[in-house]
């Protein structure tokens, strides 16, 4: 659906997606720092940031998909 028409992704969702990607990048940096220094807490915290941001991003993609379905489906009223 989205691949056929990029306008189905609402512009309002794009800043949130960018922030989630930035959060995952910060988590990656913290995790790499913890792995290089062989410290558990930064590694686990970084991994948790990555994991939470990816789950949140999946939730956001579901909202975009459902919004696209509502736009393309005819009204049932």
C-alpha atoms as a PDB file:
ATOM      1  CA  UNK A   1       0.000   0.000   0.000  1.00  0.00           C
ATOM      2  CA  UNK A   2       2.633   2.553   1.052  1.00  0.00           C
ATOM      3  CA  UNK A   3       5.051   1.500  -1.685  1.00  0.00           C
ATOM      4  CA  UNK A   4       2.434   2.318  -4.315  1.00  0.00           C
ATOM      5  CA  UNK A   5       1.586   5.772  -2.947  1.00  0.00           C
ATOM      6  CA  UNK A   6       3.962   7.614  -0.615  1.00  0.00           C
ATOM      7  CA  UNK A   7       1.350  10.268   0.145  1.00  0.00           C
ATOM      8  CA  UNK A   8      -0.456   7.744   2.354  1.00  0.00           C
ATOM      9  CA  UNK A   9       2.162   8.263   5.078  1.00  0.00           C
ATOM     10  CA  UNK A  10       1.009  11.301   7.001  1.00  0.00           C
ATOM     11  CA  UNK A  11       3.485  14.123   7.314  1.00  0.00           C
ATOM     12  CA  UNK A  12       2.637  14.338  11.014  1.00  0.00           C
ATOM     13  CA  UNK A  13       4.291  10.972  11.644  1.00  0.00           C
ATOM     14  CA  UNK A  14       7.651  11.756  10.045  1.00  0.00           C
ATOM     15  CA  UNK A  15       9.143  13.901  12.864  1.00  0.00           C
ATOM     16  CA  UNK A  16       8.231  11.228  15.412  1.00  0.00           C
ATOM     17  CA  UNK A  17       9.884   8.542  13.281  1.00  0.00           C
ATOM     18  CA  UNK A  18      13.027  10.696  13.029  1.00  0.00           C
ATOM     19  CA  UNK A  19      13.114  11.115  16.816  1.00  0.00           C
ATOM     20  CA  UNK A  20      12.728   7.379  17.318  1.00  0.00           C
ATOM     21  CA  UNK A  21      15.601   6.707  14.937  1.00  0.00           C
ATOM     22  CA  UNK A  22      17.710   9.253  16.828  1.00  0.00           C
ATOM     23  CA  UNK A  23      16.817   7.565  20.130  1.00  0.00           C
ATOM     24  CA  UNK A  24      17.935   4.218  18.712  1.00  0.00           C
ATOM     25  CA  UNK A  25      21.198   5.807  17.522  1.00  0.00           C
ATOM     26  CA  UNK A  26      21.857   7.170  21.015  1.00  0.00           C
ATOM     27  CA  UNK A  27      21.121   3.727  22.427  1.00  0.00           C
ATOM     28  CA  UNK A  28      23.545   2.203  19.941  1.00  0.00           C
ATOM     29  CA  UNK A  29      26.269   4.594  21.041  1.00  0.00           C
ATOM     30  CA  UNK A  30      25.696   3.826  24.711  1.00  0.00           C
ATOM     31  CA  UNK A  31      25.633   0.096  24.007  1.00  0.00           C
ATOM     32  CA  UNK A  32      28.881   0.213  22.016  1.00  0.00           C
ATOM     33  CA  UNK A  33      30.519   2.222  24.793  1.00  0.00           C
ATOM     34  CA  UNK A  34      29.446  -0.416  27.313  1.00  0.00           C
ATOM     35  CA  UNK A  35      30.703  -3.239  25.118  1.00  0.00           C
ATOM     36  CA  UNK A  36      34.078  -1.572  24.522  1.00  0.00           C
ATOM     37  CA  UNK A  37      34.524  -0.807  28.224  1.00  0.00           C
ATOM     38  CA  UNK A  38      33.131  -4.242  29.154  1.00  0.00           C
ATOM     39  CA  UNK A  39      30.532  -2.729  31.477  1.00  0.00           C
ATOM     40  CA  UNK A  40      27.122  -4.320  31.864  1.00  0.00           C
ATOM     41  CA  UNK A  41      24.920  -1.340  32.725  1.00  0.00           C
ATOM     42  CA  UNK A  42      25.669   0.847  29.699  1.00  0.00           C
ATOM     43  CA  UNK A  43      25.371  -2.195  27.445  1.00  0.00           C
ATOM     44  CA  UNK A  44      21.993  -3.208  28.857  1.00  0.00           C
ATOM     45  CA  UNK A  45      20.698   0.370  28.987  1.00  0.00           C
ATOM     46  CA  UNK A  46      21.737   1.007  25.382  1.00  0.00           C
ATOM     47  CA  UNK A  47      20.119  -2.218  24.266  1.00  0.00           C
ATOM     48  CA  UNK A  48      16.939  -1.278  26.142  1.00  0.00           C
ATOM     49  CA  UNK A  49      16.856   2.121  24.404  1.00  0.00           C
ATOM     50  CA  UNK A  50      17.229   0.458  21.019  1.00  0.00           C
ATOM     51  CA  UNK A  51      14.578  -2.131  21.836  1.00  0.00           C
ATOM     52  CA  UNK A  52      12.032   0.385  23.164  1.00  0.00           C
ATOM     53  CA  UNK A  53      12.542   2.783  20.261  1.00  0.00           C
ATOM     54  CA  UNK A  54      12.083  -0.031  17.734  1.00  0.00           C
ATOM     55  CA  UNK A  55       8.897  -1.245  19.430  1.00  0.00           C
ATOM     56  CA  UNK A  56       7.584   2.310  19.473  1.00  0.00           C
ATOM     57  CA  UNK A  57       8.490   2.666  15.798  1.00  0.00           C
ATOM     58  CA  UNK A  58       6.566  -0.518  14.954  1.00  0.00           C
ATOM     59  CA  UNK A  59       3.564   0.910  16.805  1.00  0.00           C
ATOM     60  CA  UNK A  60       3.890   4.129  14.809  1.00  0.00           C
ATOM     61  CA  UNK A  61       4.029   2.167  11.526  1.00  0.00           C
ATOM     62  CA  UNK A  62       0.828   0.350  12.490  1.00  0.00           C
ATOM     63  CA  UNK A  63      -0.848   3.716  13.079  1.00  0.00           C
ATOM     64  CA  UNK A  64       0.359   4.926   9.664  1.00  0.00           C
ATOM     65  CA  UNK A  65      -0.907   1.745   8.020  1.00  0.00           C
ATOM     66  CA  UNK A  66      -4.326   2.004   9.674  1.00  0.00           C
ATOM     67  CA  UNK A  67      -4.561   5.668   8.724  1.00  0.00           C
ATOM     68  CA  UNK A  68      -3.770   4.744   5.121  1.00  0.00           C
ATOM     69  CA  UNK A  69      -6.467   2.076   5.160  1.00  0.00           C
ATOM     70  CA  UNK A  70      -9.012   4.591   6.418  1.00  0.00           C
ATOM     71  CA  UNK A  71      -8.047   7.020   3.649  1.00  0.00           C
ATOM     72  CA  UNK A  72      -8.294   4.457   0.848  1.00  0.00           C
ATOM     73  CA  UNK A  73     -11.364   2.489   1.952  1.00  0.00           C
ATOM     74  CA  UNK A  74     -14.793   3.765   1.005  1.00  0.00           C
ATOM     75  CA  UNK A  75     -16.981   5.015   3.833  1.00  0.00           C
ATOM     76  CA  UNK A  76     -19.325   2.363   5.174  1.00  0.00           C
ATOM     77  CA  UNK A  77     -21.821   4.947   6.477  1.00  0.00           C
END
